[in-house]
Amino acid sequence: MYAIIRTGGKQYQVESGARLRIEKLDGNVGDKVELIDVLMVTDGEEVKVGQPLLAGAKVTATIVEQGKAKKVVVFKKKRRKGYRVKNGHRQMFTGLEINEISA
């Protein structure tokens, strides 16, 4: 059984026991989270598709980590002008472990 969920402007395919990193959610490590933006659930042969969301479906997960991703270096330059800018960015993320998918 797996589901397609939407969070942080992205879509993820999840199944029970899976771990994934998503855009930052409020909460502490060990907190339970319910993701209610479920787009599709499939259980072997039966496929339920929402239009756009599946009514009554939810995915429960546990927060296992909160952190920052690796640094991405942003370098800008204009030739012959002496313009050089170097910046870095570390995106905040939340690590989830999927507990249950209910449709």
N, C-alpha and C. Protein backbone atom coordinates (compact mmCIF):
# COMPACT_ATOMS: atom_id res chain seq x y z
N MET A 1 0.85 -1.18 0.00
CA MET A 1 0.00 0.00 0.00
C MET A 1 0.89 1.23 0.00
N TYR A 2 0.58 2.17 -0.89
CA TYR A 2 1.30 3.43 -0.89
C TYR A 2 0.35 4.57 -1.22
N ALA A 3 0.83 5.80 -0.96
CA ALA A 3 0.01 6.98 -1.19
C ALA A 3 0.88 8.06 -1.82
N ILE A 4 0.22 8.97 -2.51
CA ILE A 4 0.88 10.17 -3.04
C ILE A 4 0.36 11.34 -2.20
N ILE A 5 1.29 12.06 -1.55
CA ILE A 5 0.90 13.19 -0.71
C ILE A 5 1.51 14.47 -1.27
N ARG A 6 0.95 15.60 -0.83
CA ARG A 6 1.44 16.90 -1.25
C ARG A 6 1.79 17.70 0.00
N THR A 7 3.02 18.19 0.08
CA THR A 7 3.44 19.05 1.17
C THR A 7 4.62 19.90 0.72
N GLY A 8 4.65 21.13 1.14
CA GLY A 8 5.75 22.02 0.79
C GLY A 8 5.85 22.32 -0.69
N GLY A 9 4.73 22.25 -1.41
CA GLY A 9 4.74 22.53 -2.84
C GLY A 9 5.28 21.39 -3.69
N LYS A 10 5.49 20.22 -3.08
CA LYS A 10 6.00 19.07 -3.80
C LYS A 10 5.12 17.86 -3.54
N GLN A 11 5.25 16.84 -4.37
CA GLN A 11 4.50 15.60 -4.19
C GLN A 11 5.47 14.46 -3.90
N TYR A 12 5.06 13.57 -2.99
CA TYR A 12 5.91 12.46 -2.58
C TYR A 12 5.11 11.16 -2.60
N GLN A 13 5.77 10.08 -3.00
CA GLN A 13 5.17 8.75 -2.90
C GLN A 13 5.67 8.14 -1.60
N VAL A 14 4.73 7.76 -0.71
CA VAL A 14 5.11 7.23 0.61
C VAL A 14 4.43 5.89 0.85
N GLU A 15 5.07 5.09 1.69
CA GLU A 15 4.48 3.83 2.14
C GLU A 15 4.87 3.64 3.59
N SER A 16 4.18 2.76 4.29
CA SER A 16 4.43 2.55 5.72
C SER A 16 5.87 2.12 5.96
N GLY A 17 6.48 2.74 6.97
CA GLY A 17 7.86 2.43 7.33
C GLY A 17 8.90 3.23 6.57
N ALA A 18 8.49 3.97 5.55
CA ALA A 18 9.44 4.74 4.75
C ALA A 18 9.88 5.99 5.50
N ARG A 19 11.10 6.43 5.22
CA ARG A 19 11.61 7.69 5.77
C ARG A 19 11.85 8.64 4.62
N LEU A 20 11.52 9.92 4.82
CA LEU A 20 11.76 10.90 3.79
C LEU A 20 12.01 12.26 4.42
N ARG A 21 12.66 13.12 3.65
CA ARG A 21 12.93 14.49 4.08
C ARG A 21 12.04 15.42 3.26
N ILE A 22 11.30 16.26 3.97
CA ILE A 22 10.40 17.20 3.31
C ILE A 22 10.74 18.61 3.76
N GLU A 23 10.08 19.60 3.17
CA GLU A 23 10.27 20.98 3.59
C GLU A 23 9.89 21.11 5.06
N LYS A 24 10.48 22.06 5.74
CA LYS A 24 10.35 22.25 7.20
C LYS A 24 8.90 22.30 7.66
N LEU A 25 8.59 21.47 8.67
CA LEU A 25 7.30 21.50 9.36
C LEU A 25 7.55 21.88 10.81
N ASP A 26 6.60 22.58 11.42
CA ASP A 26 6.71 22.91 12.84
C ASP A 26 6.53 21.65 13.67
N GLY A 27 7.30 21.54 14.74
CA GLY A 27 7.20 20.39 15.62
C GLY A 27 8.58 19.97 16.11
N ASN A 28 8.57 19.14 17.13
CA ASN A 28 9.81 18.64 17.72
C ASN A 28 9.99 17.17 17.36
N VAL A 29 11.20 16.67 17.56
CA VAL A 29 11.49 15.27 17.30
C VAL A 29 10.62 14.40 18.21
N GLY A 30 9.96 13.42 17.63
CA GLY A 30 9.07 12.53 18.37
C GLY A 30 7.59 12.90 18.25
N ASP A 31 7.28 14.09 17.75
CA ASP A 31 5.88 14.51 17.58
C ASP A 31 5.24 13.74 16.44
N LYS A 32 3.92 13.52 16.56
CA LYS A 32 3.13 12.89 15.50
C LYS A 32 2.59 13.98 14.59
N VAL A 33 2.55 13.71 13.30
CA VAL A 33 2.08 14.66 12.31
C VAL A 33 1.06 13.95 11.43
N GLU A 34 -0.04 14.63 11.11
CA GLU A 34 -1.02 14.10 10.17
C GLU A 34 -0.95 14.90 8.88
N LEU A 35 -0.72 14.23 7.79
CA LEU A 35 -0.68 14.86 6.47
C LEU A 35 -2.01 14.55 5.79
N ILE A 36 -2.81 15.59 5.55
CA ILE A 36 -4.16 15.37 5.03
C ILE A 36 -4.29 15.70 3.54
N ASP A 37 -3.23 16.25 2.93
CA ASP A 37 -3.26 16.51 1.49
C ASP A 37 -2.86 15.23 0.74
N VAL A 38 -3.78 14.26 0.72
CA VAL A 38 -3.53 12.97 0.06
C VAL A 38 -4.17 13.02 -1.32
N LEU A 39 -3.36 12.78 -2.35
CA LEU A 39 -3.84 12.86 -3.72
C LEU A 39 -4.29 11.50 -4.27
N MET A 40 -3.63 10.43 -3.82
CA MET A 40 -3.96 9.11 -4.33
C MET A 40 -3.53 8.05 -3.32
N VAL A 41 -4.32 6.98 -3.21
CA VAL A 41 -3.98 5.83 -2.38
C VAL A 41 -4.21 4.58 -3.20
N THR A 42 -3.26 3.65 -3.15
CA THR A 42 -3.44 2.39 -3.84
C THR A 42 -3.12 1.24 -2.89
N ASP A 43 -3.93 0.19 -2.99
CA ASP A 43 -3.77 -0.98 -2.12
C ASP A 43 -3.78 -2.23 -3.00
N GLY A 44 -2.66 -2.48 -3.63
CA GLY A 44 -2.60 -3.63 -4.53
C GLY A 44 -3.36 -3.37 -5.81
N GLU A 45 -4.61 -3.91 -5.90
CA GLU A 45 -5.40 -3.74 -7.11
C GLU A 45 -6.27 -2.48 -7.08
N GLU A 46 -6.72 -2.07 -5.90
CA GLU A 46 -7.65 -0.94 -5.79
C GLU A 46 -6.90 0.38 -5.75
N VAL A 47 -7.29 1.31 -6.62
CA VAL A 47 -6.66 2.62 -6.68
C VAL A 47 -7.72 3.67 -6.45
N LYS A 48 -7.48 4.56 -5.46
CA LYS A 48 -8.40 5.66 -5.19
C LYS A 48 -7.68 6.96 -5.52
N VAL A 49 -8.30 7.75 -6.40
CA VAL A 49 -7.69 9.00 -6.84
C VAL A 49 -8.62 10.14 -6.46
N GLY A 50 -8.06 11.18 -5.83
CA GLY A 50 -8.83 12.35 -5.44
C GLY A 50 -8.92 13.35 -6.58
N GLN A 51 -9.84 14.31 -6.42
CA GLN A 51 -10.02 15.32 -7.45
C GLN A 51 -10.13 16.70 -6.83
N PRO A 52 -9.11 17.38 -6.36
CA PRO A 52 -7.71 16.93 -6.38
C PRO A 52 -7.31 16.14 -5.13
N LEU A 53 -8.05 16.31 -4.01
CA LEU A 53 -7.69 15.61 -2.78
C LEU A 53 -8.65 14.46 -2.50
N LEU A 54 -8.18 13.45 -1.81
CA LEU A 54 -8.98 12.30 -1.44
C LEU A 54 -9.64 12.58 -0.10
N ALA A 55 -10.97 12.64 -0.08
CA ALA A 55 -11.71 12.99 1.14
C ALA A 55 -11.57 11.88 2.18
N GLY A 56 -11.25 12.26 3.40
CA GLY A 56 -11.17 11.31 4.51
C GLY A 56 -9.86 10.54 4.59
N ALA A 57 -8.97 10.75 3.66
CA ALA A 57 -7.69 10.03 3.69
C ALA A 57 -6.66 10.85 4.44
N LYS A 58 -5.78 10.15 5.16
CA LYS A 58 -4.69 10.85 5.85
C LYS A 58 -3.51 9.91 6.01
N VAL A 59 -2.35 10.52 6.18
CA VAL A 59 -1.12 9.79 6.42
C VAL A 59 -0.56 10.27 7.74
N THR A 60 -0.31 9.35 8.67
CA THR A 60 0.27 9.74 9.96
C THR A 60 1.76 9.40 9.94
N ALA A 61 2.54 10.32 10.50
CA ALA A 61 4.00 10.17 10.50
C ALA A 61 4.57 10.69 11.80
N THR A 62 5.80 10.31 12.08
CA THR A 62 6.52 10.77 13.26
C THR A 62 7.73 11.57 12.80
N ILE A 63 7.97 12.71 13.45
CA ILE A 63 9.14 13.51 13.14
C ILE A 63 10.36 12.83 13.76
N VAL A 64 11.34 12.48 12.92
CA VAL A 64 12.54 11.82 13.43
C VAL A 64 13.75 12.74 13.43
N GLU A 65 13.71 13.83 12.67
CA GLU A 65 14.80 14.80 12.71
C GLU A 65 14.36 16.15 12.16
N GLN A 66 15.02 17.18 12.67
CA GLN A 66 14.86 18.54 12.16
C GLN A 66 16.27 19.03 11.87
N GLY A 67 16.50 19.61 10.73
CA GLY A 67 17.86 20.04 10.44
C GLY A 67 17.98 20.90 9.21
N LYS A 68 19.23 21.07 8.79
CA LYS A 68 19.54 21.84 7.59
C LYS A 68 20.26 20.94 6.60
N ALA A 69 19.97 21.11 5.34
CA ALA A 69 20.61 20.33 4.29
C ALA A 69 22.02 20.86 4.05
N LYS A 70 22.77 20.20 3.18
CA LYS A 70 24.11 20.65 2.85
C LYS A 70 24.06 22.00 2.16
N LYS A 71 25.14 22.73 2.27
CA LYS A 71 25.20 24.08 1.71
C LYS A 71 25.26 24.04 0.19
N VAL A 72 24.47 24.94 -0.41
CA VAL A 72 24.50 25.15 -1.85
C VAL A 72 25.17 26.50 -2.07
N VAL A 73 26.24 26.53 -2.86
CA VAL A 73 26.97 27.76 -3.12
C VAL A 73 26.36 28.46 -4.32
N VAL A 74 26.08 29.76 -4.16
CA VAL A 74 25.53 30.58 -5.24
C VAL A 74 26.59 31.62 -5.59
N PHE A 75 27.07 31.59 -6.84
CA PHE A 75 28.12 32.50 -7.27
C PHE A 75 27.63 33.28 -8.47
N LYS A 76 27.70 34.61 -8.38
CA LYS A 76 27.28 35.48 -9.48
C LYS A 76 28.48 36.29 -9.94
N LYS A 77 28.57 36.49 -11.26
CA LYS A 77 29.69 37.24 -11.80
C LYS A 77 29.27 37.90 -13.09
N LYS A 78 29.74 39.12 -13.29
CA LYS A 78 29.55 39.80 -14.57
C LYS A 78 30.94 40.04 -15.16
N ARG A 79 31.12 39.59 -16.36
CA ARG A 79 32.45 39.67 -16.96
C ARG A 79 32.86 41.12 -17.22
N ARG A 80 34.12 41.39 -17.00
CA ARG A 80 34.76 42.69 -17.25
C ARG A 80 34.26 43.81 -16.35
N LYS A 81 33.46 43.55 -15.36
CA LYS A 81 32.91 44.62 -14.53
C LYS A 81 33.40 44.56 -13.09
N GLY A 82 34.08 43.51 -12.71
CA GLY A 82 34.57 43.38 -11.34
C GLY A 82 33.47 42.99 -10.36
N TYR A 83 32.33 42.57 -10.87
CA TYR A 83 31.20 42.19 -10.00
C TYR A 83 31.27 40.71 -9.70
N ARG A 84 31.48 40.38 -8.43
CA ARG A 84 31.53 38.99 -7.98
C ARG A 84 30.83 38.90 -6.64
N VAL A 85 29.86 38.01 -6.52
CA VAL A 85 29.13 37.80 -5.27
C VAL A 85 29.07 36.30 -5.01
N LYS A 86 29.44 35.90 -3.80
CA LYS A 86 29.39 34.49 -3.42
C LYS A 86 28.51 34.38 -2.18
N ASN A 87 27.44 33.60 -2.30
CA ASN A 87 26.53 33.36 -1.19
C ASN A 87 26.35 31.86 -1.00
N GLY A 88 25.87 31.49 0.17
CA GLY A 88 25.54 30.10 0.44
C GLY A 88 24.13 30.00 0.99
N HIS A 89 23.52 28.84 0.83
CA HIS A 89 22.16 28.63 1.34
C HIS A 89 22.05 27.21 1.88
N ARG A 90 21.47 27.08 3.08
CA ARG A 90 21.19 25.77 3.67
C ARG A 90 19.70 25.69 3.94
N GLN A 91 19.02 24.81 3.22
CA GLN A 91 17.57 24.67 3.32
C GLN A 91 17.19 23.88 4.56
N MET A 92 16.19 24.37 5.31
CA MET A 92 15.68 23.66 6.47
C MET A 92 14.82 22.48 6.00
N PHE A 93 14.90 21.35 6.73
CA PHE A 93 14.10 20.19 6.38
C PHE A 93 13.58 19.50 7.63
N THR A 94 12.59 18.65 7.44
CA THR A 94 12.04 17.80 8.49
C THR A 94 12.11 16.37 7.99
N GLY A 95 12.68 15.49 8.81
CA GLY A 95 12.73 14.07 8.47
C GLY A 95 11.54 13.36 9.07
N LEU A 96 10.79 12.63 8.26
CA LEU A 96 9.58 11.93 8.71
C LEU A 96 9.73 10.42 8.54
N GLU A 97 9.11 9.68 9.44
CA GLU A 97 8.95 8.24 9.27
C GLU A 97 7.46 7.97 9.18
N ILE A 98 7.01 7.37 8.09
CA ILE A 98 5.59 7.14 7.86
C ILE A 98 5.13 5.96 8.71
N ASN A 99 4.06 6.18 9.50
CA ASN A 99 3.52 5.14 10.37
C ASN A 99 2.35 4.42 9.74
N GLU A 100 1.40 5.19 9.22
CA GLU A 100 0.14 4.58 8.78
C GLU A 100 -0.47 5.39 7.63
N ILE A 101 -1.09 4.67 6.72
CA ILE A 101 -1.85 5.29 5.63
C ILE A 101 -3.28 4.82 5.77
N SER A 102 -4.21 5.77 5.92
CA SER A 102 -5.61 5.39 6.04
C SER A 102 -6.40 6.11 4.96
N ALA A 103 -7.30 5.36 4.31
CA ALA A 103 -8.07 5.94 3.22
C ALA A 103 -9.52 6.03 3.63
